[in-house]
Amino acid sequence: MPRYRVEYGKSGPARYISHLDLVRAFERAMRRAGLPLAFSRGFNPHPLISPGPPLPVGMEGERECLDVELVEELAPEEVQRRLSRELPAGLAVKSVRRVPAGAPALMAAVGRASYRVEMPLAEKAGEEEVRRCLQLLLEKQEVSVTRRREGREEKTVNIRPGIYRLCGRVEGGVLCLEMTLAVGDRLNVRPQEVINALAAFCPHLCAGGEPRVVRTGLFPVEAGGP
């Protein structure tokens, strides 16, 4: 059965859609679009839609991905045209391409994600101080975070191997960070963990307040990201 990779953006009101509801929104849109969806077998068949790594509720995504299998061949442009007409506000298809036969599943293929972060900067901090603090963090061989999950013991994780890229600049009193982090079951690094680590190493750098985080892309491990 042909498999298609849908690249889309998630913004505005759609950023508050949970991961499960996002999949449901795409399923409903695909049904309304008349796409010939392939279904799983068994007692409770469901459309073969495979989303990429979930976004936290409230976070925007510029280039998110999901795979869908159909029972008949359609031109990618036709899939995009039909689907774009039916999606709710805040979800926009950027591109659709055919996935080669035998290609790994989407979740297995993705290993890195890039992010853009904007947060208030302390009044006395400038470009030089930002560079110094980022370099201080990157020179560490171990950046430990404690993770808590309901019903499980606390777990300490070294996230430094999963920080592939981290740079920043100052724009009008705002600290703008760009980072590429590990995504996946083996190692998963959250942008907020990097922000917390930076605040711990340089507590005088940030003025506090809620950062704005946007996931800007998903990439295979070997691709490296931007």
C-alpha atoms as a PDB file:
ATOM      1  CA  MET A   1       0.000   0.000   0.000  1.00  0.00           C
ATOM      2  CA  PRO A   2       1.351   3.489  -0.844  1.00  0.00           C
ATOM      3  CA  ARG A   3       2.551   5.533   2.118  1.00  0.00           C
ATOM      4  CA  TYR A   4       2.651   9.328   2.144  1.00  0.00           C
ATOM      5  CA  ARG A   5       4.499  11.712   4.438  1.00  0.00           C
ATOM      6  CA  VAL A   6       2.541  14.853   5.238  1.00  0.00           C
ATOM      7  CA  GLU A   7       4.544  17.864   6.417  1.00  0.00           C
ATOM      8  CA  TYR A   8       2.392  20.444   8.173  1.00  0.00           C
ATOM      9  CA  GLY A   9       2.434  23.425  10.474  1.00  0.00           C
ATOM     10  CA  LYS A  10       0.627  23.674  13.807  1.00  0.00           C
ATOM     11  CA  SER A  11       0.010  27.203  15.069  1.00  0.00           C
ATOM     12  CA  GLY A  12      -2.574  29.575  16.492  1.00  0.00           C
ATOM     13  CA  PRO A  13      -5.515  27.810  18.170  1.00  0.00           C
ATOM     14  CA  ALA A  14      -4.267  24.413  16.963  1.00  0.00           C
ATOM     15  CA  ARG A  15      -1.265  24.562  19.291  1.00  0.00           C
ATOM     16  CA  TYR A  16      -3.605  23.707  22.167  1.00  0.00           C
ATOM     17  CA  ILE A  17      -4.717  20.453  20.512  1.00  0.00           C
ATOM     18  CA  SER A  18      -3.365  17.391  22.331  1.00  0.00           C
ATOM     19  CA  HIS A  19      -1.415  14.754  20.442  1.00  0.00           C
ATOM     20  CA  LEU A  20      -4.333  12.316  20.447  1.00  0.00           C
ATOM     21  CA  ASP A  21      -6.817  14.963  19.316  1.00  0.00           C
ATOM     22  CA  LEU A  22      -4.390  16.036  16.587  1.00  0.00           C
ATOM     23  CA  VAL A  23      -4.430  12.541  15.094  1.00  0.00           C
ATOM     24  CA  ARG A  24      -8.234  12.530  15.319  1.00  0.00           C
ATOM     25  CA  ALA A  25      -8.402  15.914  13.557  1.00  0.00           C
ATOM     26  CA  PHE A  26      -6.295  14.597  10.685  1.00  0.00           C
ATOM     27  CA  GLU A  27      -8.345  11.417  10.485  1.00  0.00           C
ATOM     28  CA  ARG A  28     -11.605  13.355  10.264  1.00  0.00           C
ATOM     29  CA  ALA A  29     -10.120  15.713   7.658  1.00  0.00           C
ATOM     30  CA  MET A  30      -8.876  12.776   5.572  1.00  0.00           C
ATOM     31  CA  ARG A  31     -12.288  11.133   5.700  1.00  0.00           C
ATOM     32  CA  ARG A  32     -14.015  14.352   4.635  1.00  0.00           C
ATOM     33  CA  ALA A  33     -11.427  14.740   1.853  1.00  0.00           C
ATOM     34  CA  GLY A  34     -12.380  11.327   0.495  1.00  0.00           C
ATOM     35  CA  LEU A  35      -8.861   9.921   0.738  1.00  0.00           C
ATOM     36  CA  PRO A  36      -8.869   6.106   0.318  1.00  0.00           C
ATOM     37  CA  LEU A  37      -7.482   5.307   3.776  1.00  0.00           C
ATOM     38  CA  ALA A  38      -5.963   1.930   4.544  1.00  0.00           C
ATOM     39  CA  PHE A  39      -7.099   0.298   7.794  1.00  0.00           C
ATOM     40  CA  SER A  40      -5.489  -2.063  10.254  1.00  0.00           C
ATOM     41  CA  ARG A  41      -6.846  -5.570  10.644  1.00  0.00           C
ATOM     42  CA  GLY A  42      -8.453  -7.074  13.703  1.00  0.00           C
ATOM     43  CA  PHE A  43     -11.457  -6.544  15.921  1.00  0.00           C
ATOM     44  CA  ASN A  44     -11.133  -2.738  16.017  1.00  0.00           C
ATOM     45  CA  PRO A  45      -9.672  -1.548  12.673  1.00  0.00           C
ATOM     46  CA  HIS A  46      -8.329   1.985  12.525  1.00  0.00           C
ATOM     47  CA  PRO A  47      -6.766   4.142   9.780  1.00  0.00           C
ATOM     48  CA  LEU A  48      -3.027   3.605   9.293  1.00  0.00           C
ATOM     49  CA  ILE A  49      -1.938   7.087  10.358  1.00  0.00           C
ATOM     50  CA  SER A  50       1.431   7.378  12.108  1.00  0.00           C
ATOM     51  CA  PRO A  51       2.275  10.771  13.675  1.00  0.00           C
ATOM     52  CA  GLY A  52       5.750  12.028  14.429  1.00  0.00           C
ATOM     53  CA  PRO A  53       7.089  12.855  17.916  1.00  0.00           C
ATOM     54  CA  PRO A  54       4.358  14.580  19.949  1.00  0.00           C
ATOM     55  CA  LEU A  55       4.444  18.294  20.634  1.00  0.00           C
ATOM     56  CA  PRO A  56       3.658  19.516  24.146  1.00  0.00           C
ATOM     57  CA  VAL A  57       0.273  21.225  24.346  1.00  0.00           C
ATOM     58  CA  GLY A  58       0.755  24.940  23.681  1.00  0.00           C
ATOM     59  CA  MET A  59       3.898  24.586  21.561  1.00  0.00           C
ATOM     60  CA  GLU A  60       3.812  25.554  17.900  1.00  0.00           C
ATOM     61  CA  GLY A  61       5.397  23.416  15.189  1.00  0.00           C
ATOM     62  CA  GLU A  62       6.533  24.781  11.843  1.00  0.00           C
ATOM     63  CA  ARG A  63       7.426  21.550  10.064  1.00  0.00           C
ATOM     64  CA  GLU A  64       5.694  18.603  11.743  1.00  0.00           C
ATOM     65  CA  CYS A  65       5.184  15.234  10.043  1.00  0.00           C
ATOM     66  CA  LEU A  66       2.813  12.299   9.910  1.00  0.00           C
ATOM     67  CA  ASP A  67       2.558   9.251   7.646  1.00  0.00           C
ATOM     68  CA  VAL A  68      -0.644   7.875   6.166  1.00  0.00           C
ATOM     69  CA  GLU A  69      -1.235   4.733   4.116  1.00  0.00           C
ATOM     70  CA  LEU A  70      -3.802   4.587   1.328  1.00  0.00           C
ATOM     71  CA  VAL A  71      -5.306   1.657  -0.545  1.00  0.00           C
ATOM     72  CA  GLU A  72      -4.737   3.254  -3.928  1.00  0.00           C
ATOM     73  CA  GLU A  73      -2.115   5.440  -5.557  1.00  0.00           C
ATOM     74  CA  LEU A  74      -2.715   9.195  -5.682  1.00  0.00           C
ATOM     75  CA  ALA A  75      -0.415  11.992  -6.772  1.00  0.00           C
ATOM     76  CA  PRO A  76       1.093  13.711  -3.709  1.00  0.00           C
ATOM     77  CA  GLU A  77      -0.239  17.017  -5.029  1.00  0.00           C
ATOM     78  CA  GLU A  78      -3.751  15.577  -5.064  1.00  0.00           C
ATOM     79  CA  VAL A  79      -3.422  14.364  -1.475  1.00  0.00           C
ATOM     80  CA  GLN A  80      -2.241  17.805  -0.419  1.00  0.00           C
ATOM     81  CA  ARG A  81      -5.010  19.598  -2.303  1.00  0.00           C
ATOM     82  CA  ARG A  82      -7.794  17.462  -0.836  1.00  0.00           C
ATOM     83  CA  LEU A  83      -6.452  17.490   2.714  1.00  0.00           C
ATOM     84  CA  SER A  84      -5.746  21.230   2.800  1.00  0.00           C
ATOM     85  CA  ARG A  85      -9.405  22.007   2.139  1.00  0.00           C
ATOM     86  CA  GLU A  86     -10.595  20.078   5.207  1.00  0.00           C
ATOM     87  CA  LEU A  87      -8.144  20.868   8.000  1.00  0.00           C
ATOM     88  CA  PRO A  88      -9.209  23.150  10.868  1.00  0.00           C
ATOM     89  CA  ALA A  89      -7.679  26.563  11.515  1.00  0.00           C
ATOM     90  CA  GLY A  90      -4.061  26.402  12.657  1.00  0.00           C
ATOM     91  CA  LEU A  91      -3.198  23.213  10.766  1.00  0.00           C
ATOM     92  CA  ALA A  92      -1.669  23.804   7.334  1.00  0.00           C
ATOM     93  CA  VAL A  93      -0.155  21.254   4.954  1.00  0.00           C
ATOM     94  CA  LYS A  94       3.294  22.348   3.732  1.00  0.00           C
ATOM     95  CA  SER A  95       4.055  19.383   1.460  1.00  0.00           C
ATOM     96  CA  VAL A  96       3.188  15.745   0.761  1.00  0.00           C
ATOM     97  CA  ARG A  97       5.589  13.167  -0.651  1.00  0.00           C
ATOM     98  CA  ARG A  98       5.514   9.465  -1.341  1.00  0.00           C
ATOM     99  CA  VAL A  99       7.581   7.388   1.083  1.00  0.00           C
ATOM    100  CA  PRO A 100       9.711   4.716  -0.653  1.00  0.00           C
ATOM    101  CA  ALA A 101       8.740   1.099  -0.040  1.00  0.00           C
ATOM    102  CA  GLY A 102      10.722  -0.413   2.841  1.00  0.00           C
ATOM    103  CA  ALA A 103      11.585   2.973   4.368  1.00  0.00           C
ATOM    104  CA  PRO A 104      11.651   2.959   8.194  1.00  0.00           C
ATOM    105  CA  ALA A 105       8.622   4.128  10.141  1.00  0.00           C
ATOM    106  CA  LEU A 106       8.454   7.837  10.869  1.00  0.00           C
ATOM    107  CA  MET A 107       9.112   7.535  14.600  1.00  0.00           C
ATOM    108  CA  ALA A 108      12.136   5.313  13.924  1.00  0.00           C
ATOM    109  CA  ALA A 109      13.495   7.719  11.302  1.00  0.00           C
ATOM    110  CA  VAL A 110      13.343  10.917  13.364  1.00  0.00           C
ATOM    111  CA  GLY A 111      16.238  11.461  15.753  1.00  0.00           C
ATOM    112  CA  ARG A 112      16.639  15.226  16.056  1.00  0.00           C
ATOM    113  CA  ALA A 113      14.439  18.287  16.372  1.00  0.00           C
ATOM    114  CA  SER A 114      15.256  21.979  16.025  1.00  0.00           C
ATOM    115  CA  TYR A 115      13.669  24.694  18.153  1.00  0.00           C
ATOM    116  CA  ARG A 116      13.467  28.475  18.360  1.00  0.00           C
ATOM    117  CA  VAL A 117      13.109  29.975  21.835  1.00  0.00           C
ATOM    118  CA  GLU A 118      12.360  33.577  22.805  1.00  0.00           C
ATOM    119  CA  MET A 119      12.536  34.710  26.427  1.00  0.00           C
ATOM    120  CA  PRO A 120      13.028  37.964  28.390  1.00  0.00           C
ATOM    121  CA  LEU A 121      16.642  38.921  28.964  1.00  0.00           C
ATOM    122  CA  ALA A 122      18.021  40.524  32.122  1.00  0.00           C
ATOM    123  CA  GLU A 123      18.625  44.250  31.596  1.00  0.00           C
ATOM    124  CA  LYS A 124      22.388  44.140  32.103  1.00  0.00           C
ATOM    125  CA  ALA A 125      23.026  41.079  29.923  1.00  0.00           C
ATOM    126  CA  GLY A 126      24.337  41.585  26.386  1.00  0.00           C
ATOM    127  CA  GLU A 127      25.623  39.589  23.428  1.00  0.00           C
ATOM    128  CA  GLU A 128      28.963  38.849  25.067  1.00  0.00           C
ATOM    129  CA  GLU A 129      27.346  37.562  28.251  1.00  0.00           C
ATOM    130  CA  VAL A 130      24.972  35.370  26.245  1.00  0.00           C
ATOM    131  CA  ARG A 131      27.855  33.830  24.301  1.00  0.00           C
ATOM    132  CA  ARG A 132      29.813  33.232  27.504  1.00  0.00           C
ATOM    133  CA  CYS A 133      26.909  31.483  29.223  1.00  0.00           C
ATOM    134  CA  LEU A 134      26.097  29.296  26.229  1.00  0.00           C
ATOM    135  CA  GLN A 135      29.747  28.305  25.894  1.00  0.00           C
ATOM    136  CA  LEU A 136      29.877  27.476  29.602  1.00  0.00           C
ATOM    137  CA  LEU A 137      26.951  25.103  29.170  1.00  0.00           C
ATOM    138  CA  LEU A 138      28.332  23.492  26.016  1.00  0.00           C
ATOM    139  CA  GLU A 139      31.721  22.866  27.630  1.00  0.00           C
ATOM    140  CA  LYS A 140      30.093  20.661  30.271  1.00  0.00           C
ATOM    141  CA  GLN A 141      30.348  16.930  29.660  1.00  0.00           C
ATOM    142  CA  GLU A 142      27.392  16.312  31.935  1.00  0.00           C
ATOM    143  CA  VAL A 143      24.191  18.310  32.276  1.00  0.00           C
ATOM    144  CA  SER A 144      21.939  16.378  34.632  1.00  0.00           C
ATOM    145  CA  VAL A 145      18.175  16.794  34.931  1.00  0.00           C
ATOM    146  CA  THR A 146      15.739  15.017  37.221  1.00  0.00           C
ATOM    147  CA  ARG A 147      12.598  13.647  35.628  1.00  0.00           C
ATOM    148  CA  ARG A 148       9.464  12.723  37.534  1.00  0.00           C
ATOM    149  CA  ARG A 149       6.704  10.527  36.190  1.00  0.00           C
ATOM    150  CA  GLU A 150       3.562   9.689  38.077  1.00  0.00           C
ATOM    151  CA  GLY A 151       3.814   6.315  39.773  1.00  0.00           C
ATOM    152  CA  ARG A 152       7.535   5.977  39.058  1.00  0.00           C
ATOM    153  CA  GLU A 153      10.725   6.832  40.891  1.00  0.00           C
ATOM    154  CA  GLU A 154      12.643   9.972  40.018  1.00  0.00           C
ATOM    155  CA  LYS A 155      15.248   9.483  37.325  1.00  0.00           C
ATOM    156  CA  THR A 156      18.413  11.507  36.717  1.00  0.00           C
ATOM    157  CA  VAL A 157      19.406  11.873  33.065  1.00  0.00           C
ATOM    158  CA  ASN A 158      22.485  13.432  31.462  1.00  0.00           C
ATOM    159  CA  ILE A 159      21.053  15.459  28.568  1.00  0.00           C
ATOM    160  CA  ARG A 160      24.375  16.882  27.341  1.00  0.00           C
ATOM    161  CA  PRO A 161      24.923  14.168  24.654  1.00  0.00           C
ATOM    162  CA  GLY A 162      21.539  15.133  23.206  1.00  0.00           C
ATOM    163  CA  ILE A 163      22.282  18.864  22.865  1.00  0.00           C
ATOM    164  CA  TYR A 164      23.626  18.885  19.306  1.00  0.00           C
ATOM    165  CA  ARG A 165      23.497  22.622  18.704  1.00  0.00           C
ATOM    166  CA  LEU A 166      22.872  25.676  20.859  1.00  0.00           C
ATOM    167  CA  CYS A 167      23.392  29.300  19.873  1.00  0.00           C
ATOM    168  CA  GLY A 168      21.802  32.615  20.769  1.00  0.00           C
ATOM    169  CA  ARG A 169      21.523  36.310  20.088  1.00  0.00           C
ATOM    170  CA  VAL A 170      19.948  39.404  21.643  1.00  0.00           C
ATOM    171  CA  GLU A 171      17.121  41.235  19.881  1.00  0.00           C
ATOM    172  CA  GLY A 172      15.469  44.193  21.586  1.00  0.00           C
ATOM    173  CA  GLY A 173      15.894  42.900  25.123  1.00  0.00           C
ATOM    174  CA  VAL A 174      14.832  39.387  24.150  1.00  0.00           C
ATOM    175  CA  LEU A 175      17.089  36.339  24.283  1.00  0.00           C
ATOM    176  CA  CYS A 176      16.629  34.329  21.085  1.00  0.00           C
ATOM    177  CA  LEU A 177      17.961  30.782  21.244  1.00  0.00           C
ATOM    178  CA  GLU A 178      18.226  28.197  18.487  1.00  0.00           C
ATOM    179  CA  MET A 179      18.827  24.596  19.480  1.00  0.00           C
ATOM    180  CA  THR A 180      18.898  21.146  17.935  1.00  0.00           C
ATOM    181  CA  LEU A 181      18.113  18.371  20.408  1.00  0.00           C
ATOM    182  CA  ALA A 182      17.752  14.604  20.512  1.00  0.00           C
ATOM    183  CA  VAL A 183      14.274  13.163  20.015  1.00  0.00           C
ATOM    184  CA  GLY A 184      13.315   9.525  20.470  1.00  0.00           C
ATOM    185  CA  ASP A 185      13.134   6.620  22.865  1.00  0.00           C
ATOM    186  CA  ARG A 186      16.878   6.256  23.353  1.00  0.00           C
ATOM    187  CA  LEU A 187      17.481   9.906  24.311  1.00  0.00           C
ATOM    188  CA  ASN A 188      14.947  12.702  24.380  1.00  0.00           C
ATOM    189  CA  VAL A 189      15.859  16.241  25.402  1.00  0.00           C
ATOM    190  CA  ARG A 190      13.184  18.865  26.053  1.00  0.00           C
ATOM    191  CA  PRO A 191      13.791  22.552  25.292  1.00  0.00           C
ATOM    192  CA  GLN A 192      12.624  23.519  28.783  1.00  0.00           C
ATOM    193  CA  GLU A 193      15.332  21.299  30.279  1.00  0.00           C
ATOM    194  CA  VAL A 194      17.988  23.211  28.312  1.00  0.00           C
ATOM    195  CA  ILE A 195      16.447  26.517  29.389  1.00  0.00           C
ATOM    196  CA  ASN A 196      16.468  25.393  33.039  1.00  0.00           C
ATOM    197  CA  ALA A 197      20.071  24.236  32.754  1.00  0.00           C
ATOM    198  CA  LEU A 198      21.120  27.563  31.256  1.00  0.00           C
ATOM    199  CA  ALA A 199      19.341  29.425  34.071  1.00  0.00           C
ATOM    200  CA  ALA A 200      21.124  27.235  36.635  1.00  0.00           C
ATOM    201  CA  PHE A 201      24.577  27.921  35.172  1.00  0.00           C
ATOM    202  CA  CYS A 202      23.900  31.645  34.633  1.00  0.00           C
ATOM    203  CA  PRO A 203      21.012  32.684  36.939  1.00  0.00           C
ATOM    204  CA  HIS A 204      21.661  36.374  36.213  1.00  0.00           C
ATOM    205  CA  LEU A 205      21.095  35.982  32.462  1.00  0.00           C
ATOM    206  CA  CYS A 206      17.316  35.632  32.166  1.00  0.00           C
ATOM    207  CA  ALA A 207      14.639  37.924  33.561  1.00  0.00           C
ATOM    208  CA  GLY A 208      12.163  35.111  34.101  1.00  0.00           C
ATOM    209  CA  GLY A 209       8.774  34.792  32.488  1.00  0.00           C
ATOM    210  CA  GLU A 210       7.330  32.153  30.192  1.00  0.00           C
ATOM    211  CA  PRO A 211       9.489  31.429  27.126  1.00  0.00           C
ATOM    212  CA  ARG A 212       7.939  31.082  23.670  1.00  0.00           C
ATOM    213  CA  VAL A 213       9.106  27.808  22.124  1.00  0.00           C
ATOM    214  CA  VAL A 214       8.534  26.763  18.515  1.00  0.00           C
ATOM    215  CA  ARG A 215       9.657  23.436  17.053  1.00  0.00           C
ATOM    216  CA  THR A 216      11.028  24.377  13.651  1.00  0.00           C
ATOM    217  CA  GLY A 217      11.847  20.972  12.169  1.00  0.00           C
ATOM    218  CA  LEU A 218      12.295  17.207  12.536  1.00  0.00           C
ATOM    219  CA  PHE A 219      15.300  15.389  11.096  1.00  0.00           C
ATOM    220  CA  PRO A 220      16.910  11.954  10.858  1.00  0.00           C
ATOM    221  CA  VAL A 221      19.888  11.501  13.158  1.00  0.00           C
ATOM    222  CA  GLU A 222      22.315  11.371  10.248  1.00  0.00           C
ATOM    223  CA  ALA A 223      20.908  14.611   8.765  1.00  0.00           C
ATOM    224  CA  GLY A 224      21.921  16.588  11.849  1.00  0.00           C
ATOM    225  CA  GLY A 225      19.364  19.349  11.478  1.00  0.00           C
ATOM    226  CA  PRO A 226      20.107  23.041  10.945  1.00  0.00           C
END
